Amino acid sequence: MSMTDPISDMLTRIRNAQTAGHETLVVPASQVKYRIVEIMKQEGYLEDYERHDVPPQGTIDIRLKWHSGQPAIEGLRRVSRPGQRCYARVSEIPKVRNGLGIMIVSTSKGLMTDRAARKAGVGGELICSVW
């Protein structure tokens, strides 16, 4: 069965794993998912990740980050969906929780956070917000 939104599926798996109190989870791999997970680790929302290139698709093992029994990620929200794409110029990129969260933006220079996109002076598709 084909999946119409694999990024949303990954975000839902992360949300569900946190709700269930799991330490780790496994998601099917893709370049975009790998880059999103990489950004989330750099920003301190994930403990670690490991990529396994097992045919046919590969997987990404994600270790969730916890602080005194609470997950580091309070919320994940998919902004641009296959049914309704959401684009923004550099001046229109919204701040998440007044700068306390991040917006992951797909730009012509690759996936980056909202802060990095503003610094680079590029806009793009608003993938998801994390806080």
Protein backbone atom coordinates (compact mmCIF):
# COMPACT_ATOMS: atom_id res chain seq x y z
CA MET A 1 0.00 0.00 0.00
CA SER A 2 1.40 3.40 -0.93
CA MET A 3 1.71 6.23 1.55
CA THR A 4 0.78 9.77 0.51
CA ASP A 5 2.71 11.63 3.25
CA PRO A 6 5.74 9.78 4.66
CA ILE A 7 7.00 12.84 6.59
CA SER A 8 3.72 13.13 8.46
CA ASP A 9 3.92 9.39 9.19
CA MET A 10 7.40 9.86 10.72
CA LEU A 11 6.22 12.77 12.89
CA THR A 12 3.23 10.72 14.06
CA ARG A 13 5.50 7.79 14.95
CA ILE A 14 7.67 10.14 17.05
CA ARG A 15 4.57 11.57 18.80
CA ASN A 16 3.18 8.07 19.46
CA ALA A 17 6.50 6.76 20.79
CA GLN A 18 6.74 9.68 23.22
CA THR A 19 3.16 9.19 24.39
CA ALA A 20 3.84 5.49 24.99
CA GLY A 21 7.07 6.31 26.86
CA HIS A 22 9.42 4.53 24.45
CA GLU A 23 13.13 5.31 24.37
CA THR A 24 13.63 4.40 20.70
CA LEU A 25 11.69 4.02 17.48
CA VAL A 26 12.37 2.91 13.92
CA VAL A 27 11.14 4.72 10.79
CA PRO A 28 11.60 3.87 7.10
CA ALA A 29 14.49 5.89 5.67
CA SER A 30 14.59 8.58 3.01
CA GLN A 31 16.92 11.52 2.39
CA VAL A 32 14.35 14.10 3.54
CA LYS A 33 13.49 12.17 6.72
CA TYR A 34 17.18 11.70 7.46
CA ARG A 35 17.81 15.44 7.14
CA ILE A 36 14.78 16.30 9.35
CA VAL A 37 16.03 13.93 12.06
CA GLU A 38 19.53 15.39 11.72
CA ILE A 39 18.20 18.94 12.24
CA MET A 40 16.10 17.84 15.23
CA LYS A 41 19.20 16.29 16.85
CA GLN A 42 21.31 19.41 16.19
CA GLU A 43 18.62 21.55 17.82
CA GLY A 44 18.51 19.27 20.89
CA TYR A 45 15.12 17.61 20.41
CA LEU A 46 16.49 14.07 19.88
CA GLU A 47 19.16 12.14 21.76
CA ASP A 48 20.66 10.36 18.75
CA TYR A 49 19.87 8.58 15.49
CA GLU A 50 21.45 5.85 13.40
CA ARG A 51 20.91 5.07 9.74
CA HIS A 52 20.79 1.47 8.52
CA ASP A 53 21.02 0.97 4.77
CA VAL A 54 19.23 -2.36 4.63
CA PRO A 55 17.59 -3.17 1.27
CA PRO A 56 15.12 -2.30 -0.10
CA GLN A 57 14.62 1.05 1.70
CA GLY A 58 16.64 1.17 4.89
CA THR A 59 15.67 2.45 8.32
CA ILE A 60 16.48 5.23 10.75
CA ASP A 61 16.71 4.28 14.44
CA ILE A 62 15.82 7.30 16.58
CA ARG A 63 16.58 7.65 20.32
CA LEU A 64 14.21 10.12 21.97
CA LYS A 65 15.43 12.69 24.46
CA TRP A 66 13.83 12.89 27.91
CA HIS A 67 14.25 15.44 30.75
CA SER A 68 13.18 14.19 34.20
CA GLY A 69 10.52 11.92 32.76
CA GLN A 70 9.17 14.45 30.24
CA PRO A 71 9.90 14.31 26.49
CA ALA A 72 12.13 17.04 25.04
CA ILE A 73 9.59 17.55 22.23
CA GLU A 74 6.41 19.20 23.49
CA GLY A 75 4.81 19.28 20.07
CA LEU A 76 5.28 18.40 16.40
CA ARG A 77 3.08 19.82 13.67
CA ARG A 78 3.13 19.19 9.94
CA VAL A 79 2.64 22.55 8.20
CA SER A 80 2.89 21.88 4.45
CA ARG A 81 0.96 18.80 3.40
CA PRO A 82 0.52 17.12 0.01
CA GLY A 83 -3.04 18.47 -0.16
CA GLN A 84 -2.10 22.00 0.86
CA ARG A 85 1.44 23.16 0.29
CA CYS A 86 2.62 26.14 2.35
CA TYR A 87 5.40 28.39 1.07
CA ALA A 88 6.87 31.54 2.63
CA ARG A 89 9.32 34.25 1.64
CA VAL A 90 12.20 34.87 4.00
CA SER A 91 10.35 37.80 5.58
CA GLU A 92 7.18 35.70 6.04
CA ILE A 93 8.71 32.65 7.79
CA PRO A 94 6.83 32.43 11.12
CA LYS A 95 8.52 32.08 14.49
CA VAL A 96 7.47 29.02 16.45
CA ARG A 97 6.50 29.78 20.07
CA ASN A 98 8.16 33.22 19.85
CA GLY A 99 11.51 31.67 18.87
CA LEU A 100 11.49 28.87 21.46
CA GLY A 101 10.68 26.25 18.80
CA ILE A 102 11.92 25.67 15.27
CA MET A 103 10.34 25.57 11.83
CA ILE A 104 12.01 23.21 9.36
CA VAL A 105 12.07 24.84 5.93
CA SER A 106 12.86 23.24 2.57
CA THR A 107 14.82 25.87 0.63
CA SER A 108 16.80 25.94 -2.59
CA LYS A 109 19.88 25.41 -0.38
CA GLY A 110 18.45 22.31 1.30
CA LEU A 111 16.51 21.67 4.50
CA MET A 112 17.28 24.07 7.35
CA THR A 113 15.77 25.70 10.40
CA ASP A 114 13.86 28.96 10.23
CA ARG A 115 16.78 30.81 11.85
CA ALA A 116 19.25 29.46 9.29
CA ALA A 117 16.87 30.32 6.42
CA ARG A 118 16.51 33.91 7.66
CA LYS A 119 20.30 34.18 8.00
CA ALA A 120 20.81 32.79 4.47
CA GLY A 121 18.08 35.08 3.13
CA VAL A 122 16.02 32.33 1.51
CA GLY A 123 12.40 31.24 1.83
CA GLY A 124 10.79 27.97 0.85
CA GLU A 125 8.30 25.30 1.81
CA LEU A 126 7.42 25.15 5.51
CA ILE A 127 7.78 21.44 6.31
CA CYS A 128 7.01 21.19 10.04
CA SER A 129 7.28 22.97 13.36
CA VAL A 130 8.86 21.51 16.51
CA TRP A 131 8.64 22.94 20.02
